[in-house]
N, C-alpha and C. Protein backbone atom coordinates (compact mmCIF):
# COMPACT_ATOMS: atom_id res chain seq x y z
N MET A 1 0.70 -1.18 -0.18
CA MET A 1 0.00 0.15 -0.17
C MET A 1 0.96 1.48 -0.02
N LEU A 2 2.07 1.03 -0.35
CA LEU A 2 2.71 2.11 -0.87
C LEU A 2 2.37 3.46 -1.47
N TYR A 3 1.60 2.94 -2.58
CA TYR A 3 1.00 3.84 -3.47
C TYR A 3 0.14 4.81 -2.59
N ALA A 4 -0.81 4.27 -1.67
CA ALA A 4 -1.33 4.98 -0.83
C ALA A 4 -0.86 6.44 0.13
N ASN A 5 0.60 6.36 0.07
CA ASN A 5 0.98 7.58 0.77
C ASN A 5 2.03 8.19 -0.08
N GLU A 6 2.07 7.71 -1.49
CA GLU A 6 2.88 8.37 -2.57
C GLU A 6 2.63 9.99 -2.54
N PRO A 7 3.76 10.70 -2.29
CA PRO A 7 3.44 12.00 -2.72
C PRO A 7 2.94 12.32 -4.16
N GLY A 8 2.19 13.42 -4.51
CA GLY A 8 1.84 13.90 -5.74
C GLY A 8 0.45 12.60 -6.09
N ALA A 9 0.12 11.72 -5.15
CA ALA A 9 -1.22 10.77 -5.93
C ALA A 9 -2.50 11.66 -5.07
N SER A 10 -2.26 12.91 -4.88
CA SER A 10 -3.51 13.86 -4.10
C SER A 10 -4.78 13.12 -5.18
N GLY A 11 -5.73 13.05 -3.99
CA GLY A 11 -6.91 12.59 -4.72
C GLY A 11 -7.16 11.33 -5.50
N ILE A 12 -6.17 10.10 -5.50
CA ILE A 12 -6.21 9.17 -5.74
C ILE A 12 -6.23 8.31 -4.32
N LEU A 13 -7.31 7.44 -4.34
CA LEU A 13 -7.50 6.29 -3.40
C LEU A 13 -6.79 4.88 -3.57
N VAL A 14 -6.30 4.71 -2.88
CA VAL A 14 -5.44 2.84 -3.05
C VAL A 14 -6.26 2.23 -1.98
N ASP A 15 -6.81 1.23 -2.18
CA ASP A 15 -7.21 0.51 -1.38
C ASP A 15 -7.16 -1.07 -2.15
N ALA A 16 -7.12 -2.02 -1.01
CA ALA A 16 -7.24 -3.86 -1.70
C ALA A 16 -8.54 -4.19 -1.27
N VAL A 17 -9.09 -5.11 -1.96
CA VAL A 17 -10.16 -5.65 -1.34
C VAL A 17 -9.97 -7.27 -1.49
N ASP A 18 -10.81 -8.18 -0.74
CA ASP A 18 -10.91 -9.27 -0.71
C ASP A 18 -12.24 -10.02 -1.22
N PRO A 19 -12.43 -10.42 -2.22
CA PRO A 19 -13.98 -10.76 -2.74
C PRO A 19 -14.40 -12.10 -2.48
N GLY A 20 -13.64 -13.05 -1.22
CA GLY A 20 -13.78 -14.11 -0.70
C GLY A 20 -13.73 -15.40 -2.11
N HIS A 21 -13.93 -16.29 -1.45
CA HIS A 21 -13.78 -17.30 -2.37
C HIS A 21 -15.00 -17.37 -3.11
N CYS A 22 -14.80 -17.23 -4.63
CA CYS A 22 -15.97 -17.13 -5.57
C CYS A 22 -15.95 -18.24 -6.40
N ALA A 23 -17.26 -18.63 -6.72
CA ALA A 23 -17.57 -19.75 -7.99
C ALA A 23 -17.23 -19.32 -9.23
N THR A 24 -16.01 -19.28 -9.65
CA THR A 24 -15.69 -19.09 -11.15
C THR A 24 -14.67 -20.07 -11.60
N ASP A 25 -14.57 -19.81 -13.11
CA ASP A 25 -13.56 -20.51 -13.82
C ASP A 25 -12.33 -20.58 -13.22
N LEU A 26 -11.54 -19.97 -12.30
CA LEU A 26 -10.17 -19.61 -11.79
C LEU A 26 -10.16 -20.89 -10.69
N THR A 27 -11.54 -20.94 -9.71
CA THR A 27 -11.58 -21.79 -8.68
C THR A 27 -12.06 -23.01 -8.92
N GLY A 28 -12.57 -23.38 -10.29
CA GLY A 28 -13.01 -24.67 -10.76
C GLY A 28 -14.29 -24.67 -10.08
N ARG A 29 -15.12 -23.70 -9.75
CA ARG A 29 -16.63 -23.41 -9.65
C ARG A 29 -16.56 -23.82 -8.01
N THR A 30 -15.59 -23.98 -7.26
CA THR A 30 -15.49 -24.44 -5.97
C THR A 30 -16.29 -23.51 -4.95
N GLY A 31 -15.98 -22.21 -5.43
CA GLY A 31 -16.39 -21.18 -4.27
C GLY A 31 -18.13 -21.05 -3.70
N SER A 32 -17.79 -20.43 -2.52
CA SER A 32 -19.25 -20.57 -2.20
C SER A 32 -19.98 -19.14 -2.22
N ARG A 33 -19.72 -18.30 -3.22
CA ARG A 33 -20.61 -17.25 -3.29
C ARG A 33 -20.14 -16.76 -4.82
N THR A 34 -21.13 -16.29 -5.31
CA THR A 34 -21.00 -15.97 -6.81
C THR A 34 -20.13 -14.74 -7.12
N ALA A 35 -19.66 -14.96 -8.25
CA ALA A 35 -18.68 -13.87 -8.99
C ALA A 35 -19.40 -12.44 -8.43
N ALA A 36 -20.71 -12.20 -8.62
CA ALA A 36 -21.27 -10.89 -8.53
C ALA A 36 -21.22 -10.14 -7.27
N ARG A 37 -21.29 -11.39 -6.26
CA ARG A 37 -20.87 -10.98 -4.65
C ARG A 37 -19.78 -10.85 -4.36
N GLY A 38 -18.91 -11.36 -4.84
CA GLY A 38 -17.53 -11.10 -4.65
C GLY A 38 -17.29 -9.84 -5.27
N ALA A 39 -17.75 -9.47 -6.36
CA ALA A 39 -17.33 -7.99 -7.28
C ALA A 39 -18.07 -7.07 -6.31
N ALA A 40 -18.95 -7.32 -5.68
CA ALA A 40 -19.82 -5.96 -5.08
C ALA A 40 -18.73 -5.05 -4.10
N VAL A 41 -17.70 -5.64 -3.46
CA VAL A 41 -17.11 -4.96 -2.62
C VAL A 41 -15.90 -4.09 -3.28
N ALA A 42 -15.37 -4.70 -4.49
CA ALA A 42 -14.64 -3.88 -5.14
C ALA A 42 -15.49 -3.01 -6.09
N VAL A 43 -16.53 -3.26 -6.37
CA VAL A 43 -17.60 -1.98 -6.92
C VAL A 43 -17.50 -1.08 -5.94
N ARG A 44 -18.00 -1.16 -4.56
CA ARG A 44 -18.22 -0.13 -3.70
C ARG A 44 -17.00 0.66 -3.49
N MET A 45 -15.75 -0.30 -3.31
CA MET A 45 -14.08 0.56 -2.99
C MET A 45 -14.03 1.15 -4.08
N ALA A 46 -14.36 0.84 -5.17
CA ALA A 46 -14.16 1.78 -6.67
C ALA A 46 -14.90 3.06 -6.68
N THR A 47 -16.05 3.18 -6.40
CA THR A 47 -17.06 4.23 -6.45
C THR A 47 -16.92 5.10 -5.36
N LEU A 48 -15.74 4.92 -4.38
CA LEU A 48 -15.97 5.73 -3.18
C LEU A 48 -15.62 7.15 -4.03
N ASP A 49 -16.29 8.54 -2.94
CA ASP A 49 -16.02 9.66 -3.10
C ASP A 49 -14.45 10.37 -2.81
N ALA A 50 -14.37 11.74 -3.00
CA ALA A 50 -12.88 11.72 -2.66
C ALA A 50 -12.64 11.58 -1.44
N GLY A 51 -13.25 11.79 -0.29
CA GLY A 51 -13.10 11.83 0.99
C GLY A 51 -13.00 10.07 1.73
N GLY A 52 -13.00 9.29 0.87
CA GLY A 52 -13.11 7.80 1.10
C GLY A 52 -11.80 7.57 1.80
N PRO A 53 -11.70 6.57 2.47
CA PRO A 53 -10.53 5.70 3.22
C PRO A 53 -9.44 5.60 1.90
N THR A 54 -8.22 5.28 2.35
CA THR A 54 -7.10 4.74 1.49
C THR A 54 -6.18 4.04 2.24
N GLY A 55 -5.46 3.24 1.67
CA GLY A 55 -4.42 2.44 2.39
C GLY A 55 -5.41 1.01 3.23
N THR A 56 -6.17 0.91 2.60
CA THR A 56 -7.28 -0.12 3.47
C THR A 56 -7.36 -1.70 2.93
N PHE A 57 -7.58 -2.62 3.57
CA PHE A 57 -7.73 -3.78 3.04
C PHE A 57 -9.09 -4.40 3.47
N SER A 58 -10.18 -4.39 2.49
CA SER A 58 -11.50 -4.84 2.92
C SER A 58 -12.02 -6.03 2.40
N ASP A 59 -13.20 -6.44 3.12
CA ASP A 59 -13.88 -7.66 2.56
C ASP A 59 -15.36 -6.50 2.46
N GLU A 60 -16.53 -7.58 2.61
CA GLU A 60 -17.78 -7.20 2.47
C GLU A 60 -18.16 -6.51 3.78
N ASP A 61 -17.31 -6.68 4.68
CA ASP A 61 -17.94 -6.26 5.87
C ASP A 61 -17.43 -5.07 6.49
N GLY A 62 -16.29 -4.92 5.72
CA GLY A 62 -15.66 -3.48 5.89
C GLY A 62 -13.94 -3.53 5.89
N PRO A 63 -13.35 -2.71 6.52
CA PRO A 63 -11.81 -2.74 6.68
C PRO A 63 -11.25 -4.08 7.51
N LEU A 64 -10.05 -4.57 7.13
CA LEU A 64 -9.63 -5.96 7.72
C LEU A 64 -8.35 -5.13 8.23
N PRO A 65 -7.33 -6.09 9.23
CA PRO A 65 -6.43 -5.55 9.60
C PRO A 65 -5.61 -6.22 8.69
N TRP A 66 -4.13 -5.33 8.56
CA TRP A 66 -3.28 -5.90 7.79
C TRP A 66 -2.19 -7.05 8.38
């Protein structure tokens, strides 16, 4: 998450997300959640306003400890 603290990155939020174990081709369809449900956290974080968090790691329930 070094990019989150990069000087000159003003206005750019940098966060990581965990979609969980999704039933996709990559997992051989063994995941317990749909791809749409897994994508929801990425979409939520990608559409934050300028005052949103940066440098976080989140899942669908919110920020997780690093």
